[in-house]
Amino acid sequence: MKKTAILVVSFGTTYADTRKKTIEATENAIAKKFPDADVFRAFTSNIVLKRIKENEGISIDTPQVAIEKIRSLGYQELYVQSLHIIPGHEYHLIVKSLKSYADDFEKFVIGKPLLTSLVDYRGVKDYLIGMKSLAPDEGVLFMGHGTATDIAFTAYGCLDHMLMGTRNYLGTVESLSDLKMEMARMKQDGIKKVHLYPFMLVAGNHANKDMASDNEHSWNSILQKEGFTTETHLVGLGESEFIQNQFAKHLRHAIRGVEND
């Protein structure tokens, strides 16, 4: 029987609690779906890796180091799954940097990010809408990271558009749609109370500081200054069994060489 390894790659986070609830939970979900494979972890952020080592004494591999280890252990097949939300800059860096290893294995594939196909968008939209029951004057505002990468920047705007009319809204820190646009829409829709959630794999630095903190520049503070009542929820997408299974499904698609089942 051929030895198969799965390398789960994410940006990483220095927040140990959300790391366990999101990244580790997703790795475990993937391991359950592929019981004949051994699962390995890699983070792409050198800053995150450095701080985890300094503060926790834990060494986590970069994707390149992880693959070198996997290769040295004699695995014939390697399946890589990205835990990125969109096929943006970070994801394409992974693909570009790891493709050179393809010839080192009998089979080598890379699974796609969460939002890739129309089926993905529809599934995630339905999941977000069903996350929380809302009173008539309540809404949910999700904070996405955003990106300036060519076509990829449209991912968040597309999903936000698909959420129209549901009292669920998706804004971003660094792209479209921004907080100002979302506040205008919520006021128009008669929203008085806003539930804030990160639209990110982990509830890390952006969620804690840029979204939920009392800092005057946080979304929480800005919304309150604009007259909204707020409630913050530090729950990363990776805590969701649905989201975990989406990543596992993308890996299975890559292995089978299909777009969607």
Protein backbone atom coordinates (compact mmCIF):
# COMPACT_ATOMS: atom_id res chain seq x y z
CA MET A 1 0.00 0.00 0.00
CA LYS A 2 1.33 3.42 -0.96
CA LYS A 3 2.17 5.87 1.83
CA THR A 4 0.00 8.97 1.55
CA ALA A 5 0.54 12.30 3.31
CA ILE A 6 -1.81 15.26 3.55
CA LEU A 7 -0.27 18.67 4.19
CA VAL A 8 -2.76 21.21 5.53
CA VAL A 9 -1.50 24.74 4.88
CA SER A 10 -2.80 27.95 6.45
CA PHE A 11 -1.54 31.43 7.23
CA GLY A 12 -1.48 30.47 10.91
CA THR A 13 -2.30 32.42 14.07
CA THR A 14 -0.56 33.33 17.32
CA TYR A 15 -3.85 32.93 19.23
CA ALA A 16 -3.53 29.44 20.69
CA ASP A 17 -7.19 29.05 21.65
CA THR A 18 -8.59 29.78 18.21
CA ARG A 19 -5.76 27.77 16.60
CA LYS A 20 -7.03 24.68 18.39
CA LYS A 21 -10.71 25.39 17.66
CA THR A 22 -10.21 26.18 13.98
CA ILE A 23 -6.98 25.00 12.34
CA GLU A 24 -6.52 21.90 14.48
CA ALA A 25 -10.23 21.09 14.27
CA THR A 26 -10.13 21.33 10.47
CA GLU A 27 -7.02 19.17 10.31
CA ASN A 28 -8.79 16.58 12.46
CA ALA A 29 -11.88 16.70 10.24
CA ILE A 30 -9.73 16.12 7.16
CA ALA A 31 -7.95 13.24 8.92
CA LYS A 32 -11.32 11.57 9.58
CA LYS A 33 -12.28 11.87 5.91
CA PHE A 34 -8.94 10.35 4.82
CA PRO A 35 -8.15 7.68 7.43
CA ASP A 36 -5.44 6.03 5.32
CA ALA A 37 -3.35 9.20 5.11
CA ASP A 38 -1.08 10.92 7.64
CA VAL A 39 -1.84 14.61 8.20
CA PHE A 40 0.88 17.25 8.56
CA ARG A 41 0.63 20.98 9.33
CA ALA A 42 2.34 24.02 7.83
CA PHE A 43 1.91 27.79 8.29
CA THR A 44 2.93 30.34 5.68
CA SER A 45 3.47 33.40 7.92
CA ASN A 46 7.07 33.66 9.09
CA ILE A 47 6.04 36.25 11.69
CA VAL A 48 3.44 33.90 13.14
CA LEU A 49 5.92 31.00 13.18
CA LYS A 50 8.54 33.16 14.93
CA ARG A 51 6.14 34.39 17.61
CA ILE A 52 4.74 30.92 18.32
CA LYS A 53 8.29 29.64 18.75
CA GLU A 54 9.24 32.53 21.03
CA ASN A 55 6.06 32.60 23.13
CA GLU A 56 5.04 28.95 23.22
CA GLY A 57 8.19 27.04 22.40
CA ILE A 58 6.40 25.26 19.56
CA SER A 59 8.07 24.77 16.18
CA ILE A 60 5.74 24.65 13.17
CA ASP A 61 7.01 24.05 9.66
CA THR A 62 6.75 26.22 6.58
CA PRO A 63 5.20 24.36 3.62
CA GLN A 64 8.62 23.83 2.05
CA VAL A 65 10.15 22.39 5.22
CA ALA A 66 7.11 20.18 5.78
CA ILE A 67 7.34 18.77 2.25
CA GLU A 68 11.05 18.05 2.67
CA LYS A 69 10.21 16.06 5.81
CA ILE A 70 7.36 14.23 4.09
CA ARG A 71 9.60 13.34 1.18
CA SER A 72 12.37 12.10 3.49
CA LEU A 73 9.88 9.83 5.26
CA GLY A 74 9.19 7.99 2.02
CA TYR A 75 5.65 9.06 1.17
CA GLN A 76 4.73 8.32 -2.43
CA GLU A 77 1.60 10.50 -2.55
CA LEU A 78 1.18 14.04 -1.25
CA TYR A 79 -2.09 15.92 -1.10
CA VAL A 80 -1.94 19.59 -0.08
CA GLN A 81 -5.03 21.40 1.18
CA SER A 82 -5.11 25.17 1.54
CA LEU A 83 -7.22 26.61 4.36
CA HIS A 84 -7.40 30.00 2.67
CA ILE A 85 -10.79 31.61 2.13
CA ILE A 86 -10.31 32.85 -1.44
CA PRO A 87 -7.86 32.11 -4.30
CA GLY A 88 -5.93 35.29 -3.64
CA HIS A 89 -2.29 36.26 -3.20
CA GLU A 90 -1.50 33.88 -0.33
CA TYR A 91 -3.03 30.87 -2.07
CA HIS A 92 -1.24 31.54 -5.35
CA LEU A 93 2.06 31.85 -3.51
CA ILE A 94 1.51 28.35 -2.13
CA VAL A 95 0.72 26.93 -5.54
CA LYS A 96 3.72 28.63 -7.13
CA SER A 97 6.18 27.62 -4.42
CA LEU A 98 5.05 24.00 -4.11
CA LYS A 99 4.59 23.00 -7.74
CA SER A 100 8.30 22.28 -8.06
CA TYR A 101 7.83 19.34 -5.70
CA ALA A 102 5.23 17.62 -7.90
CA ASP A 103 7.78 15.36 -9.62
CA ASP A 104 9.01 14.08 -6.24
CA PHE A 105 5.78 12.14 -5.68
CA GLU A 106 3.78 9.61 -7.65
CA LYS A 107 0.71 11.75 -7.06
CA PHE A 108 0.69 15.40 -6.02
CA VAL A 109 -2.39 17.65 -5.85
CA ILE A 110 -3.35 20.95 -4.22
CA GLY A 111 -6.93 21.46 -3.00
CA LYS A 112 -8.58 24.82 -3.62
CA PRO A 113 -9.66 27.51 -1.10
CA LEU A 114 -13.11 27.80 0.46
CA LEU A 115 -14.62 30.13 -2.15
CA THR A 116 -13.71 28.89 -5.61
CA SER A 117 -16.80 27.74 -7.53
CA LEU A 118 -20.40 28.95 -7.75
CA VAL A 119 -21.39 25.87 -5.76
CA ASP A 120 -19.02 27.03 -3.00
CA TYR A 121 -20.53 30.51 -2.90
CA ARG A 122 -24.08 29.18 -2.72
CA GLY A 123 -23.21 26.74 0.03
CA VAL A 124 -21.35 29.31 2.14
CA LYS A 125 -24.12 31.88 1.59
CA ASP A 126 -26.74 29.44 2.91
CA TYR A 127 -24.49 28.55 5.83
CA LEU A 128 -24.01 32.21 6.82
CA ILE A 129 -27.73 32.96 6.59
CA GLY A 130 -28.51 30.03 8.85
CA MET A 131 -25.92 30.85 11.50
CA LYS A 132 -28.09 33.07 13.67
CA SER A 133 -31.79 33.75 14.20
CA LEU A 134 -32.43 37.48 14.02
CA ALA A 135 -35.06 39.85 15.34
CA PRO A 136 -36.56 42.19 12.70
CA ASP A 137 -34.16 45.03 13.61
CA GLU A 138 -31.04 42.87 13.91
CA GLY A 139 -28.36 42.08 11.36
CA VAL A 140 -25.11 40.14 11.10
CA LEU A 141 -22.01 41.87 9.77
CA PHE A 142 -19.11 39.60 8.82
CA MET A 143 -15.58 40.99 8.68
CA GLY A 144 -13.51 39.59 5.83
CA HIS A 145 -9.85 40.34 5.30
CA GLY A 146 -10.05 41.59 1.74
CA THR A 147 -7.40 41.61 -0.95
CA ALA A 148 -6.16 43.80 -3.79
CA THR A 149 -5.22 40.79 -5.91
CA ASP A 150 -6.52 41.20 -9.47
CA ILE A 151 -9.76 39.24 -9.89
CA ALA A 152 -9.70 37.76 -6.37
CA PHE A 153 -10.77 41.05 -4.76
CA THR A 154 -14.25 40.51 -6.21
CA ALA A 155 -14.83 37.37 -4.10
CA TYR A 156 -16.02 39.25 -1.03
CA GLY A 157 -18.17 41.66 -3.02
CA CYS A 158 -19.80 38.75 -4.84
CA LEU A 159 -20.72 36.96 -1.63
CA ASP A 160 -21.92 40.23 -0.09
CA HIS A 161 -24.18 40.74 -3.11
CA MET A 162 -25.56 37.21 -2.75
CA LEU A 163 -26.45 38.02 0.87
CA MET A 164 -28.58 41.03 -0.07
CA GLY A 165 -32.04 40.97 1.47
CA THR A 166 -31.09 38.53 4.22
CA ARG A 167 -29.90 41.04 6.86
CA ASN A 168 -26.48 39.43 6.60
CA TYR A 169 -23.65 41.64 5.35
CA LEU A 170 -20.01 41.05 4.44
CA GLY A 171 -17.48 43.84 4.65
CA THR A 172 -13.69 43.74 4.46
CA VAL A 173 -10.73 45.34 6.18
CA GLU A 174 -8.72 45.97 3.01
CA SER A 175 -11.03 45.86 0.02
CA LEU A 176 -14.64 46.06 -1.16
CA SER A 177 -17.14 46.19 0.37
CA ASP A 178 -15.85 48.39 3.18
CA LEU A 179 -17.45 49.21 6.53
CA LYS A 180 -18.82 52.56 5.37
CA MET A 181 -20.75 50.89 2.55
CA GLU A 182 -22.11 48.20 4.87
CA MET A 183 -23.24 50.73 7.49
CA ALA A 184 -25.15 52.67 4.85
CA ARG A 185 -26.92 49.50 3.71
CA MET A 186 -27.75 48.46 7.28
CA LYS A 187 -29.24 51.88 8.08
CA GLN A 188 -31.31 51.67 4.92
CA ASP A 189 -32.53 48.22 6.00
CA GLY A 190 -33.54 49.47 9.45
CA ILE A 191 -30.90 47.54 11.37
CA LYS A 192 -30.48 48.70 14.97
CA LYS A 193 -28.40 45.90 16.47
CA VAL A 194 -25.39 44.41 14.70
CA HIS A 195 -23.86 41.03 15.48
CA LEU A 196 -20.20 41.07 14.46
CA TYR A 197 -18.50 37.87 13.29
CA PRO A 198 -15.14 37.33 11.56
CA PHE A 199 -15.35 35.91 8.06
CA MET A 200 -11.92 34.42 8.55
CA LEU A 201 -10.66 30.94 9.32
CA VAL A 202 -9.49 31.98 12.79
CA ALA A 203 -10.61 34.58 15.30
CA GLY A 204 -7.15 36.07 15.45
CA ASN A 205 -5.60 39.53 15.37
CA HIS A 206 -8.09 41.14 12.98
CA ALA A 207 -11.10 39.70 14.82
CA ASN A 208 -9.87 40.63 18.27
CA LYS A 209 -8.42 44.05 17.54
CA ASP A 210 -9.89 45.42 14.31
CA MET A 211 -13.38 43.98 14.83
CA ALA A 212 -14.24 43.42 18.48
CA SER A 213 -12.03 45.69 20.58
CA ASP A 214 -12.87 49.02 22.19
CA ASN A 215 -10.16 50.75 20.15
CA GLU A 216 -11.65 53.84 18.52
CA HIS A 217 -10.78 52.51 15.06
CA SER A 218 -12.34 49.06 15.51
CA TRP A 219 -15.55 48.15 13.72
CA ASN A 220 -17.22 47.65 17.07
CA SER A 221 -16.45 51.21 18.17
CA ILE A 222 -17.25 52.80 14.81
CA LEU A 223 -20.63 51.05 14.64
CA GLN A 224 -21.49 52.23 18.15
CA LYS A 225 -20.55 55.82 17.26
CA GLU A 226 -22.92 55.53 14.28
CA GLY A 227 -25.78 54.62 16.64
CA PHE A 228 -25.81 50.84 16.33
CA THR A 229 -25.95 48.48 19.28
CA THR A 230 -23.31 45.79 18.85
CA GLU A 231 -22.58 42.27 20.00
CA THR A 232 -19.26 40.67 19.05
CA HIS A 233 -18.70 36.97 18.42
CA LEU A 234 -15.10 35.73 18.31
CA VAL A 235 -15.84 32.57 16.35
CA GLY A 236 -13.60 31.69 13.39
CA LEU A 237 -15.04 29.94 10.34
CA GLY A 238 -12.81 26.97 11.08
CA GLU A 239 -14.93 26.11 14.13
CA SER A 240 -17.79 25.16 11.83
CA GLU A 241 -18.22 21.51 10.86
CA PHE A 242 -19.71 22.70 7.57
CA ILE A 243 -16.63 24.77 6.73
CA GLN A 244 -14.30 21.97 7.79
CA ASN A 245 -16.12 19.57 5.49
CA GLN A 246 -15.94 22.07 2.62
CA PHE A 247 -12.16 22.00 2.79
CA ALA A 248 -12.17 18.20 2.97
CA LYS A 249 -14.49 18.14 -0.06
CA HIS A 250 -12.15 20.39 -2.02
CA LEU A 251 -9.28 18.05 -1.30
CA ARG A 252 -11.32 15.08 -2.47
CA HIS A 253 -12.18 16.99 -5.65
CA ALA A 254 -8.49 17.66 -6.29
CA ILE A 255 -7.62 13.99 -5.77
CA ARG A 256 -10.37 12.89 -8.15
CA GLY A 257 -9.56 15.60 -10.64
CA VAL A 258 -13.10 17.03 -10.66
CA GLU A 259 -14.51 20.48 -9.95
CA ASN A 260 -17.65 19.48 -8.05
CA ASP A 261 -19.45 16.27 -7.18
